[in-house]
Structure formats: C-alpha cells, structure tokens
Amino acid sequence: MAASTDRIEKRVLLRASRERVWRAISDSKQFGSWFGVEFDGPFVPGASIIGKMVPTRVDAEVAKRQEPYRGYRFEFAVDRVEPMRLFSFRWHPFAMDSSVDYSKEPSTLVAFELAEAADGTILTVTESGFDRIPIERRAKAFAANEGGWAAQMKLIEQYLAQHAQG
C-alpha cells in the first residue's frame, strides 16, 4: 500500500492518565510549553488564536533547533474541543516565509485524539489536507511536518514525565 500524500498520522503510548494528557493538549499554556509556542489566549472552539514561536521548555536539543524561528507568529483556528477525547485546529503547514501571505491557501486539519490503554493513554495526532496545499510547496510542507510531528510526540512524552502532576 502506498503512503498517503494527504495525511500524516503519529501515535504514541503515553504513560499518563487520560486526564493528564488531556490537560497537556487542551490547555494552551501547557500545549505551548512542550510544543514551543506562546499563545495569546485559551483554546476556544470556533475561535482563532495567535501563537508566537518560542523554544520548547522540555528538551534542550529541540529548543536549539527551534531557536531560529523564535518570534515567528502564526494562527491556529480552533476547530473542536471534545473533553477527554478530541482537540483539533486548522493551520497553514510549514508557513515559515514571512514574505508570503498564506491566508489565501487552504489550511490543514490537525486532530489530537485520546484513547484508553492498559498502561496509559494512546495519543494519535493526524494532520490531513496536504493534497490541497499549492503544489510548489506541498512536498516540503509535508516532509517538514512529518518530521515535526515525530519530534512533537517525543516532546509531549518528555513533558508528561517531567510534569507528572501538572
């Protein structure tokens, strides 16, 4: 079976309760801490929120790779917040060239889904809609986010281990 060009899916077993994982993905301050972004408010369904890139506080090596993007601003359009189950948003993937107006492009949908597991919580992150991104930047955006989501799965795992009670 050929790999999809339209969607990225990553799954990780997190050794934390569903409630703890939910807080880490649905609270904009906690999300930003591990993801590497400061938001200008909470995640509210149907609302847009501005994020500013800052290095993650979880992993020094990843923070070093994020440093060149410090201060870069982007928009999350919060899609759904279904407590303990699903958090989703839309954004413009790998929209890192400040001279380009990405607002005219279609966005991708990023969904964080939680499921029970015997020894923790399964987090599945899916980003879909890449086939609608302009062809001239589609492959680069897909490749960047494929690697980015792999790194983010490790960051949330580290965050939960470091902030077990948060």
C-alpha atoms as a PDB file:
ATOM      1  CA  MET A   1       0.000   0.000   0.000  1.00  0.00           C
ATOM      2  CA  ALA A   2       1.362   3.410  -0.980  1.00  0.00           C
ATOM      3  CA  ALA A   3       1.969   6.023   1.680  1.00  0.00           C
ATOM      4  CA  SER A   4      -0.578   8.833   1.790  1.00  0.00           C
ATOM      5  CA  THR A   5       0.450  12.244   0.486  1.00  0.00           C
ATOM      6  CA  ASP A   6      -2.583  13.873   2.115  1.00  0.00           C
ATOM      7  CA  ARG A   7      -2.208  12.917   5.773  1.00  0.00           C
ATOM      8  CA  ILE A   8       0.367  12.371   8.464  1.00  0.00           C
ATOM      9  CA  GLU A   9      -0.520  10.158  11.411  1.00  0.00           C
ATOM     10  CA  LYS A  10       1.581   9.620  14.533  1.00  0.00           C
ATOM     11  CA  ARG A  11       0.638   7.523  17.537  1.00  0.00           C
ATOM     12  CA  VAL A  12       2.304   7.223  20.928  1.00  0.00           C
ATOM     13  CA  LEU A  13       1.530   5.416  24.170  1.00  0.00           C
ATOM     14  CA  LEU A  14       1.898   7.951  26.956  1.00  0.00           C
ATOM     15  CA  ARG A  15       2.421   6.656  30.482  1.00  0.00           C
ATOM     16  CA  ALA A  16      -0.018   9.144  31.974  1.00  0.00           C
ATOM     17  CA  SER A  17      -3.703   9.259  32.765  1.00  0.00           C
ATOM     18  CA  ARG A  18      -6.144  10.394  30.123  1.00  0.00           C
ATOM     19  CA  GLU A  19      -6.964  13.439  32.273  1.00  0.00           C
ATOM     20  CA  ARG A  20      -3.288  14.421  32.453  1.00  0.00           C
ATOM     21  CA  VAL A  21      -2.760  14.011  28.694  1.00  0.00           C
ATOM     22  CA  TRP A  22      -5.958  15.962  28.031  1.00  0.00           C
ATOM     23  CA  ARG A  23      -4.679  18.917  30.046  1.00  0.00           C
ATOM     24  CA  ALA A  24      -1.345  18.818  28.188  1.00  0.00           C
ATOM     25  CA  ILE A  25      -3.059  19.091  24.795  1.00  0.00           C
ATOM     26  CA  SER A  26      -6.111  21.243  25.560  1.00  0.00           C
ATOM     27  CA  ASP A  27      -4.630  23.927  27.834  1.00  0.00           C
ATOM     28  CA  SER A  28      -2.892  26.487  25.615  1.00  0.00           C
ATOM     29  CA  LYS A  29      -0.174  27.214  28.212  1.00  0.00           C
ATOM     30  CA  GLN A  30       0.702  23.536  28.724  1.00  0.00           C
ATOM     31  CA  PHE A  31       0.490  22.821  24.987  1.00  0.00           C
ATOM     32  CA  GLY A  32       2.777  25.756  24.263  1.00  0.00           C
ATOM     33  CA  SER A  33       5.305  24.656  26.863  1.00  0.00           C
ATOM     34  CA  TRP A  34       6.059  21.347  25.165  1.00  0.00           C
ATOM     35  CA  PHE A  35       5.253  22.377  21.585  1.00  0.00           C
ATOM     36  CA  GLY A  36       7.391  25.530  21.627  1.00  0.00           C
ATOM     37  CA  VAL A  37       4.866  28.358  21.274  1.00  0.00           C
ATOM     38  CA  GLU A  38       3.239  31.071  23.375  1.00  0.00           C
ATOM     39  CA  PHE A  39      -0.440  31.684  22.644  1.00  0.00           C
ATOM     40  CA  ASP A  40      -2.352  34.917  23.188  1.00  0.00           C
ATOM     41  CA  GLY A  41      -5.239  33.155  24.919  1.00  0.00           C
ATOM     42  CA  PRO A  42      -7.020  29.861  25.599  1.00  0.00           C
ATOM     43  CA  PHE A  43      -8.199  27.298  23.054  1.00  0.00           C
ATOM     44  CA  VAL A  44     -11.887  28.021  22.359  1.00  0.00           C
ATOM     45  CA  PRO A  45     -13.879  26.114  19.702  1.00  0.00           C
ATOM     46  CA  GLY A  46     -14.535  28.306  16.673  1.00  0.00           C
ATOM     47  CA  ALA A  47     -12.017  30.948  17.720  1.00  0.00           C
ATOM     48  CA  SER A  48      -8.696  31.883  16.200  1.00  0.00           C
ATOM     49  CA  ILE A  49      -5.654  32.245  18.386  1.00  0.00           C
ATOM     50  CA  ILE A  50      -2.227  33.681  17.594  1.00  0.00           C
ATOM     51  CA  GLY A  51       0.863  31.723  18.514  1.00  0.00           C
ATOM     52  CA  LYS A  52       4.403  33.014  18.708  1.00  0.00           C
ATOM     53  CA  MET A  53       7.244  30.535  18.343  1.00  0.00           C
ATOM     54  CA  VAL A  54       9.479  30.132  21.390  1.00  0.00           C
ATOM     55  CA  PRO A  55      11.817  27.240  22.041  1.00  0.00           C
ATOM     56  CA  THR A  56      10.301  24.311  23.900  1.00  0.00           C
ATOM     57  CA  ARG A  57      10.996  24.149  27.623  1.00  0.00           C
ATOM     58  CA  VAL A  58      11.183  20.348  27.556  1.00  0.00           C
ATOM     59  CA  ASP A  59      14.256  19.383  25.525  1.00  0.00           C
ATOM     60  CA  ALA A  60      17.404  21.488  25.112  1.00  0.00           C
ATOM     61  CA  GLU A  61      18.384  19.939  21.761  1.00  0.00           C
ATOM     62  CA  VAL A  62      14.979  20.547  20.212  1.00  0.00           C
ATOM     63  CA  ALA A  63      14.924  24.052  21.705  1.00  0.00           C
ATOM     64  CA  LYS A  64      18.206  24.766  19.941  1.00  0.00           C
ATOM     65  CA  ARG A  65      16.695  23.711  16.588  1.00  0.00           C
ATOM     66  CA  GLN A  66      13.628  25.889  17.244  1.00  0.00           C
ATOM     67  CA  GLU A  67      15.640  28.979  18.215  1.00  0.00           C
ATOM     68  CA  PRO A  68      15.987  30.381  14.648  1.00  0.00           C
ATOM     69  CA  TYR A  69      12.183  30.589  14.467  1.00  0.00           C
ATOM     70  CA  ARG A  70      11.775  32.470  17.761  1.00  0.00           C
ATOM     71  CA  GLY A  71       9.140  35.178  17.476  1.00  0.00           C
ATOM     72  CA  TYR A  72       7.564  33.831  14.302  1.00  0.00           C
ATOM     73  CA  ARG A  73       3.776  34.294  14.525  1.00  0.00           C
ATOM     74  CA  PHE A  74       1.062  32.030  13.155  1.00  0.00           C
ATOM     75  CA  GLU A  75      -2.655  31.449  13.557  1.00  0.00           C
ATOM     76  CA  PHE A  76      -4.482  28.414  14.931  1.00  0.00           C
ATOM     77  CA  ALA A  77      -8.176  28.241  14.108  1.00  0.00           C
ATOM     78  CA  VAL A  78      -9.522  26.040  16.911  1.00  0.00           C
ATOM     79  CA  ASP A  79     -11.888  23.507  15.393  1.00  0.00           C
ATOM     80  CA  ARG A  80     -13.209  21.139  18.074  1.00  0.00           C
ATOM     81  CA  VAL A  81     -12.678  20.626  21.793  1.00  0.00           C
ATOM     82  CA  GLU A  82     -14.379  17.433  22.972  1.00  0.00           C
ATOM     83  CA  PRO A  83     -13.141  16.914  26.540  1.00  0.00           C
ATOM     84  CA  MET A  84     -11.070  13.827  27.182  1.00  0.00           C
ATOM     85  CA  ARG A  85     -11.402  12.721  23.539  1.00  0.00           C
ATOM     86  CA  LEU A  86     -10.528  15.202  20.780  1.00  0.00           C
ATOM     87  CA  PHE A  87      -8.822  18.553  20.261  1.00  0.00           C
ATOM     88  CA  SER A  88      -8.418  19.855  16.706  1.00  0.00           C
ATOM     89  CA  PHE A  89      -7.333  23.002  14.917  1.00  0.00           C
ATOM     90  CA  ARG A  90      -6.593  24.290  11.424  1.00  0.00           C
ATOM     91  CA  TRP A  91      -3.388  25.996  10.372  1.00  0.00           C
ATOM     92  CA  HIS A  92      -1.150  26.652   7.396  1.00  0.00           C
ATOM     93  CA  PRO A  93       1.544  23.955   7.462  1.00  0.00           C
ATOM     94  CA  PHE A  94       5.200  24.989   7.316  1.00  0.00           C
ATOM     95  CA  ALA A  95       4.206  28.590   6.619  1.00  0.00           C
ATOM     96  CA  MET A  96       7.638  29.931   7.535  1.00  0.00           C
ATOM     97  CA  ASP A  97       8.354  32.552   4.826  1.00  0.00           C
ATOM     98  CA  SER A  98       7.338  35.941   6.219  1.00  0.00           C
ATOM     99  CA  SER A  99       7.144  37.399   2.687  1.00  0.00           C
ATOM    100  CA  VAL A 100       4.304  35.017   1.697  1.00  0.00           C
ATOM    101  CA  ASP A 101       0.615  35.568   2.501  1.00  0.00           C
ATOM    102  CA  TYR A 102      -0.522  32.055   3.413  1.00  0.00           C
ATOM    103  CA  SER A 103      -4.039  33.187   4.328  1.00  0.00           C
ATOM    104  CA  LYS A 104      -5.169  32.607   0.716  1.00  0.00           C
ATOM    105  CA  GLU A 105      -4.127  28.933   0.880  1.00  0.00           C
ATOM    106  CA  PRO A 106      -6.246  26.069   2.196  1.00  0.00           C
ATOM    107  CA  SER A 107      -5.327  25.000   5.725  1.00  0.00           C
ATOM    108  CA  THR A 108      -4.696  21.534   7.079  1.00  0.00           C
ATOM    109  CA  LEU A 109      -6.616  19.989   9.970  1.00  0.00           C
ATOM    110  CA  VAL A 110      -4.645  18.738  12.970  1.00  0.00           C
ATOM    111  CA  ALA A 111      -6.507  16.388  15.313  1.00  0.00           C
ATOM    112  CA  PHE A 112      -5.318  15.061  18.680  1.00  0.00           C
ATOM    113  CA  GLU A 113      -7.344  12.003  19.718  1.00  0.00           C
ATOM    114  CA  LEU A 114      -7.114  10.168  23.039  1.00  0.00           C
ATOM    115  CA  ALA A 115      -7.872   6.525  23.767  1.00  0.00           C
ATOM    116  CA  GLU A 116      -7.534   4.384  26.883  1.00  0.00           C
ATOM    117  CA  ALA A 117      -4.688   1.886  27.118  1.00  0.00           C
ATOM    118  CA  ALA A 118      -3.847  -0.677  29.799  1.00  0.00           C
ATOM    119  CA  ASP A 119      -0.805   1.268  30.994  1.00  0.00           C
ATOM    120  CA  GLY A 120      -1.543   4.831  29.937  1.00  0.00           C
ATOM    121  CA  THR A 121      -3.174   6.789  27.153  1.00  0.00           C
ATOM    122  CA  ILE A 122      -2.794   6.450  23.415  1.00  0.00           C
ATOM    123  CA  LEU A 123      -2.420   9.796  21.671  1.00  0.00           C
ATOM    124  CA  THR A 124      -2.966   9.854  17.925  1.00  0.00           C
ATOM    125  CA  VAL A 125      -2.126  13.021  16.022  1.00  0.00           C
ATOM    126  CA  THR A 126      -3.363  13.297  12.456  1.00  0.00           C
ATOM    127  CA  GLU A 127      -2.739  16.181  10.086  1.00  0.00           C
ATOM    128  CA  SER A 128      -4.768  15.999   6.884  1.00  0.00           C
ATOM    129  CA  GLY A 129      -5.389  18.150   3.834  1.00  0.00           C
ATOM    130  CA  PHE A 130      -1.914  18.320   2.284  1.00  0.00           C
ATOM    131  CA  ASP A 131      -3.236  17.439  -1.187  1.00  0.00           C
ATOM    132  CA  ARG A 132      -4.949  20.857  -1.232  1.00  0.00           C
ATOM    133  CA  ILE A 133      -1.735  22.792  -0.483  1.00  0.00           C
ATOM    134  CA  PRO A 134      -0.238  24.534  -3.555  1.00  0.00           C
ATOM    135  CA  ILE A 135       1.910  22.048  -5.450  1.00  0.00           C
ATOM    136  CA  GLU A 136       5.010  24.256  -5.330  1.00  0.00           C
ATOM    137  CA  ARG A 137       5.283  23.865  -1.556  1.00  0.00           C
ATOM    138  CA  ARG A 138       3.272  20.737  -0.811  1.00  0.00           C
ATOM    139  CA  ALA A 139       6.138  18.210  -0.627  1.00  0.00           C
ATOM    140  CA  LYS A 140       8.289  20.484   1.535  1.00  0.00           C
ATOM    141  CA  ALA A 141       5.397  21.211   3.938  1.00  0.00           C
ATOM    142  CA  PHE A 142       4.558  17.505   4.184  1.00  0.00           C
ATOM    143  CA  ALA A 143       8.175  16.471   4.825  1.00  0.00           C
ATOM    144  CA  ALA A 144       8.702  19.223   7.416  1.00  0.00           C
ATOM    145  CA  ASN A 145       5.540  18.334   9.317  1.00  0.00           C
ATOM    146  CA  GLU A 146       6.165  14.577   9.083  1.00  0.00           C
ATOM    147  CA  GLY A 147       9.431  15.114  10.957  1.00  0.00           C
ATOM    148  CA  GLY A 148       7.911  17.794  13.158  1.00  0.00           C
ATOM    149  CA  TRP A 149       5.102  15.565  14.432  1.00  0.00           C
ATOM    150  CA  ALA A 150       7.572  12.760  15.153  1.00  0.00           C
ATOM    151  CA  ALA A 151       9.555  15.208  17.294  1.00  0.00           C
ATOM    152  CA  GLN A 152       6.405  16.554  18.979  1.00  0.00           C
ATOM    153  CA  MET A 153       5.363  13.051  20.056  1.00  0.00           C
ATOM    154  CA  LYS A 154       8.681  12.755  21.899  1.00  0.00           C
ATOM    155  CA  LEU A 155       8.279  16.233  23.398  1.00  0.00           C
ATOM    156  CA  ILE A 156       4.828  15.563  24.868  1.00  0.00           C
ATOM    157  CA  GLU A 157       6.136  12.288  26.291  1.00  0.00           C
ATOM    158  CA  GLN A 158       9.034  14.143  27.941  1.00  0.00           C
ATOM    159  CA  TYR A 159       6.732  16.913  29.151  1.00  0.00           C
ATOM    160  CA  LEU A 160       4.396  14.451  30.848  1.00  0.00           C
ATOM    161  CA  ALA A 161       7.327  12.665  32.507  1.00  0.00           C
ATOM    162  CA  GLN A 162       8.765  15.981  33.766  1.00  0.00           C
ATOM    163  CA  HIS A 163       5.400  17.413  34.889  1.00  0.00           C
ATOM    164  CA  ALA A 164       3.633  14.331  36.201  1.00  0.00           C
ATOM    165  CA  GLN A 165       1.301  16.304  38.433  1.00  0.00           C
ATOM    166  CA  GLY A 166       0.749  19.398  36.243  1.00  0.00           C
END
